[in-house]
Amino acid sequence: MGFFSSLFGGGAQSAATAAAAAPLALSPAEEVKRQIETTEGELHEAHDQLEHATDPGIKSSLEALVSRKTQALTDLQEKLQHLQ
């Protein structure tokens, strides 16, 4: 392939590949629901780690993380209520 054919000829294929890989656009409420699911998973994981932590420094850090994730989850749930 020459320079121009590789530059312009492959563009359509690259655009099609990028479009296929890109997720569909979500509504604001769907995006918040996705964020809630992600945050709930992170919160659950942090709780699990906290239950098994023995080092006081790590426990303290995990407690702070749980607190932040809990607040983030509350904020997201309130945001979802306003969007619905």
N, C-alpha and C. Protein backbone atom coordinates (compact mmCIF):
# COMPACT_ATOMS: atom_id res chain seq x y z
N MET A 1 0.84 -1.19 0.00
CA MET A 1 0.00 0.00 0.00
C MET A 1 0.87 1.24 0.00
N GLY A 2 0.44 2.20 -0.76
CA GLY A 2 1.15 3.46 -0.78
C GLY A 2 0.77 4.31 0.41
N PHE A 3 1.43 5.43 0.53
CA PHE A 3 1.19 6.32 1.65
C PHE A 3 -0.27 6.79 1.70
N PHE A 4 -0.80 7.26 0.54
CA PHE A 4 -2.15 7.81 0.55
C PHE A 4 -3.22 6.73 0.73
N SER A 5 -3.00 5.57 0.16
CA SER A 5 -3.99 4.52 0.32
C SER A 5 -4.02 4.02 1.76
N SER A 6 -2.87 3.99 2.40
CA SER A 6 -2.87 3.56 3.80
C SER A 6 -3.43 4.66 4.69
N LEU A 7 -3.20 5.91 4.29
CA LEU A 7 -3.68 7.03 5.08
C LEU A 7 -5.19 7.19 4.95
N PHE A 8 -5.70 7.11 3.71
CA PHE A 8 -7.11 7.35 3.48
C PHE A 8 -7.91 6.07 3.29
N GLY A 9 -7.31 5.06 2.69
CA GLY A 9 -8.03 3.82 2.42
C GLY A 9 -8.39 3.07 3.67
N GLY A 10 -7.52 3.08 4.66
CA GLY A 10 -7.78 2.36 5.89
C GLY A 10 -8.64 3.15 6.87
N GLY A 11 -8.92 4.40 6.53
CA GLY A 11 -9.70 5.25 7.43
C GLY A 11 -11.09 4.73 7.69
N ALA A 12 -11.77 4.25 6.64
CA ALA A 12 -13.13 3.77 6.81
C ALA A 12 -13.15 2.53 7.70
N GLN A 13 -12.18 1.67 7.49
CA GLN A 13 -12.11 0.46 8.31
C GLN A 13 -11.81 0.83 9.76
N SER A 14 -10.89 1.76 9.98
CA SER A 14 -10.57 2.18 11.33
C SER A 14 -11.76 2.83 12.01
N ALA A 15 -12.50 3.66 11.27
CA ALA A 15 -13.68 4.31 11.83
C ALA A 15 -14.75 3.28 12.18
N ALA A 16 -14.91 2.28 11.32
CA ALA A 16 -15.91 1.24 11.59
C ALA A 16 -15.51 0.43 12.81
N THR A 17 -14.23 0.13 12.94
CA THR A 17 -13.75 -0.61 14.10
C THR A 17 -13.94 0.20 15.37
N ALA A 18 -13.62 1.48 15.31
CA ALA A 18 -13.79 2.34 16.49
C ALA A 18 -15.26 2.46 16.86
N ALA A 19 -16.13 2.57 15.86
CA ALA A 19 -17.56 2.69 16.15
C ALA A 19 -18.09 1.40 16.78
N ALA A 20 -17.62 0.27 16.31
CA ALA A 20 -18.07 -1.00 16.86
C ALA A 20 -17.58 -1.18 18.29
N ALA A 21 -16.40 -0.66 18.60
CA ALA A 21 -15.83 -0.82 19.93
C ALA A 21 -16.41 0.18 20.92
N ALA A 22 -16.90 1.31 20.42
CA ALA A 22 -17.43 2.34 21.31
C ALA A 22 -18.79 1.91 21.86
N PRO A 23 -19.01 2.13 23.15
CA PRO A 23 -20.32 1.78 23.71
C PRO A 23 -21.38 2.74 23.21
N LEU A 24 -22.61 2.28 23.21
CA LEU A 24 -23.71 3.15 22.82
C LEU A 24 -23.84 4.27 23.84
N ALA A 25 -24.30 5.41 23.37
CA ALA A 25 -24.49 6.53 24.28
C ALA A 25 -25.60 6.21 25.27
N LEU A 26 -25.35 6.48 26.53
CA LEU A 26 -26.32 6.21 27.58
C LEU A 26 -27.05 7.49 27.94
N SER A 27 -28.29 7.35 28.37
CA SER A 27 -29.02 8.50 28.88
C SER A 27 -28.37 8.90 30.20
N PRO A 28 -28.60 10.12 30.66
CA PRO A 28 -28.02 10.52 31.95
C PRO A 28 -28.42 9.58 33.09
N ALA A 29 -29.67 9.14 33.12
CA ALA A 29 -30.11 8.24 34.19
C ALA A 29 -29.41 6.88 34.08
N GLU A 30 -29.25 6.38 32.85
CA GLU A 30 -28.56 5.09 32.67
C GLU A 30 -27.09 5.20 33.07
N GLU A 31 -26.48 6.33 32.79
CA GLU A 31 -25.08 6.54 33.16
C GLU A 31 -24.94 6.55 34.68
N VAL A 32 -25.86 7.21 35.37
CA VAL A 32 -25.82 7.25 36.83
C VAL A 32 -26.05 5.85 37.40
N LYS A 33 -26.97 5.09 36.81
CA LYS A 33 -27.20 3.71 37.25
C LYS A 33 -25.93 2.88 37.11
N ARG A 34 -25.22 3.07 36.00
CA ARG A 34 -23.96 2.36 35.79
C ARG A 34 -22.94 2.76 36.85
N GLN A 35 -22.88 4.05 37.16
CA GLN A 35 -21.96 4.52 38.19
C GLN A 35 -22.33 3.95 39.56
N ILE A 36 -23.63 3.84 39.83
CA ILE A 36 -24.08 3.26 41.10
C ILE A 36 -23.63 1.81 41.19
N GLU A 37 -23.83 1.05 40.12
CA GLU A 37 -23.41 -0.35 40.12
C GLU A 37 -21.91 -0.49 40.37
N THR A 38 -21.14 0.35 39.71
CA THR A 38 -19.68 0.33 39.88
C THR A 38 -19.30 0.67 41.31
N THR A 39 -19.92 1.72 41.84
CA THR A 39 -19.61 2.15 43.20
C THR A 39 -20.02 1.10 44.22
N GLU A 40 -21.18 0.46 44.01
CA GLU A 40 -21.60 -0.61 44.92
C GLU A 40 -20.59 -1.75 44.92
N GLY A 41 -20.08 -2.10 43.76
CA GLY A 41 -19.05 -3.15 43.67
C GLY A 41 -17.78 -2.76 44.38
N GLU A 42 -17.35 -1.52 44.20
CA GLU A 42 -16.14 -1.04 44.87
C GLU A 42 -16.34 -1.00 46.39
N LEU A 43 -17.53 -0.59 46.81
CA LEU A 43 -17.83 -0.54 48.24
C LEU A 43 -17.83 -1.94 48.84
N HIS A 44 -18.42 -2.88 48.15
CA HIS A 44 -18.44 -4.27 48.62
C HIS A 44 -17.00 -4.81 48.74
N GLU A 45 -16.20 -4.53 47.75
CA GLU A 45 -14.80 -5.00 47.77
C GLU A 45 -14.03 -4.36 48.93
N ALA A 46 -14.26 -3.07 49.16
CA ALA A 46 -13.58 -2.38 50.26
C ALA A 46 -14.01 -2.97 51.61
N HIS A 47 -15.30 -3.27 51.75
CA HIS A 47 -15.79 -3.90 52.99
C HIS A 47 -15.10 -5.26 53.20
N ASP A 48 -15.01 -6.04 52.13
CA ASP A 48 -14.36 -7.35 52.23
C ASP A 48 -12.90 -7.21 52.67
N GLN A 49 -12.20 -6.25 52.08
CA GLN A 49 -10.80 -6.04 52.44
C GLN A 49 -10.68 -5.57 53.89
N LEU A 50 -11.62 -4.73 54.31
CA LEU A 50 -11.60 -4.22 55.67
C LEU A 50 -11.80 -5.34 56.69
N GLU A 51 -12.66 -6.28 56.37
CA GLU A 51 -12.91 -7.41 57.27
C GLU A 51 -11.65 -8.24 57.51
N HIS A 52 -10.78 -8.31 56.52
CA HIS A 52 -9.58 -9.15 56.62
C HIS A 52 -8.31 -8.38 56.97
N ALA A 53 -8.41 -7.08 57.05
CA ALA A 53 -7.23 -6.26 57.33
C ALA A 53 -6.83 -6.39 58.79
N THR A 54 -5.54 -6.50 59.03
CA THR A 54 -5.03 -6.59 60.40
C THR A 54 -4.16 -5.40 60.76
N ASP A 55 -3.53 -4.80 59.78
CA ASP A 55 -2.66 -3.66 60.02
C ASP A 55 -3.52 -2.42 60.31
N PRO A 56 -3.24 -1.73 61.42
CA PRO A 56 -4.05 -0.55 61.78
C PRO A 56 -4.03 0.55 60.71
N GLY A 57 -2.90 0.75 60.07
CA GLY A 57 -2.81 1.77 59.03
C GLY A 57 -3.67 1.43 57.82
N ILE A 58 -3.63 0.16 57.44
CA ILE A 58 -4.45 -0.30 56.31
C ILE A 58 -5.92 -0.23 56.68
N LYS A 59 -6.25 -0.64 57.90
CA LYS A 59 -7.65 -0.56 58.35
C LYS A 59 -8.16 0.87 58.29
N SER A 60 -7.34 1.79 58.76
CA SER A 60 -7.73 3.20 58.75
C SER A 60 -7.98 3.70 57.34
N SER A 61 -7.08 3.33 56.43
CA SER A 61 -7.24 3.73 55.03
C SER A 61 -8.50 3.13 54.42
N LEU A 62 -8.75 1.87 54.72
CA LEU A 62 -9.94 1.21 54.18
C LEU A 62 -11.22 1.79 54.77
N GLU A 63 -11.19 2.15 56.05
CA GLU A 63 -12.35 2.80 56.66
C GLU A 63 -12.65 4.13 55.97
N ALA A 64 -11.61 4.88 55.66
CA ALA A 64 -11.79 6.15 54.95
C ALA A 64 -12.35 5.90 53.55
N LEU A 65 -11.85 4.85 52.89
CA LEU A 65 -12.34 4.51 51.56
C LEU A 65 -13.81 4.11 51.61
N VAL A 66 -14.19 3.31 52.58
CA VAL A 66 -15.59 2.89 52.73
C VAL A 66 -16.46 4.13 52.96
N SER A 67 -15.98 5.03 53.77
CA SER A 67 -16.74 6.26 54.04
C SER A 67 -16.95 7.07 52.76
N ARG A 68 -15.88 7.23 51.98
CA ARG A 68 -15.98 8.00 50.73
C ARG A 68 -16.91 7.31 49.73
N LYS A 69 -16.78 6.00 49.62
CA LYS A 69 -17.63 5.25 48.67
C LYS A 69 -19.10 5.29 49.11
N THR A 70 -19.33 5.22 50.41
CA THR A 70 -20.70 5.29 50.92
C THR A 70 -21.30 6.65 50.59
N GLN A 71 -20.52 7.71 50.79
CA GLN A 71 -21.01 9.06 50.47
C GLN A 71 -21.23 9.21 48.97
N ALA A 72 -20.34 8.68 48.17
CA ALA A 72 -20.49 8.75 46.71
C ALA A 72 -21.75 8.01 46.28
N LEU A 73 -22.00 6.87 46.89
CA LEU A 73 -23.19 6.08 46.55
C LEU A 73 -24.46 6.86 46.91
N THR A 74 -24.48 7.48 48.07
CA THR A 74 -25.62 8.30 48.48
C THR A 74 -25.83 9.45 47.50
N ASP A 75 -24.75 10.11 47.12
CA ASP A 75 -24.83 11.23 46.17
C ASP A 75 -25.38 10.77 44.82
N LEU A 76 -24.91 9.62 44.35
CA LEU A 76 -25.37 9.10 43.06
C LEU A 76 -26.84 8.71 43.13
N GLN A 77 -27.27 8.13 44.23
CA GLN A 77 -28.67 7.75 44.37
C GLN A 77 -29.57 8.98 44.38
N GLU A 78 -29.12 10.05 45.03
CA GLU A 78 -29.88 11.30 45.03
C GLU A 78 -29.93 11.89 43.61
N LYS A 79 -28.81 11.84 42.92
CA LYS A 79 -28.76 12.35 41.55
C LYS A 79 -29.71 11.57 40.66
N LEU A 80 -29.76 10.25 40.83
CA LEU A 80 -30.66 9.43 40.03
C LEU A 80 -32.12 9.79 40.31
N GLN A 81 -32.46 10.04 41.56
CA GLN A 81 -33.82 10.43 41.89
C GLN A 81 -34.21 11.72 41.18
N HIS A 82 -33.28 12.66 41.08
CA HIS A 82 -33.57 13.93 40.40
C HIS A 82 -33.71 13.75 38.89
N LEU A 83 -33.04 12.75 38.35
CA LEU A 83 -33.10 12.51 36.90
C LEU A 83 -34.35 11.75 36.49
N GLN A 84 -34.97 11.04 37.42
CA GLN A 84 -36.13 10.22 37.06
C GLN A 84 -37.43 10.98 37.25
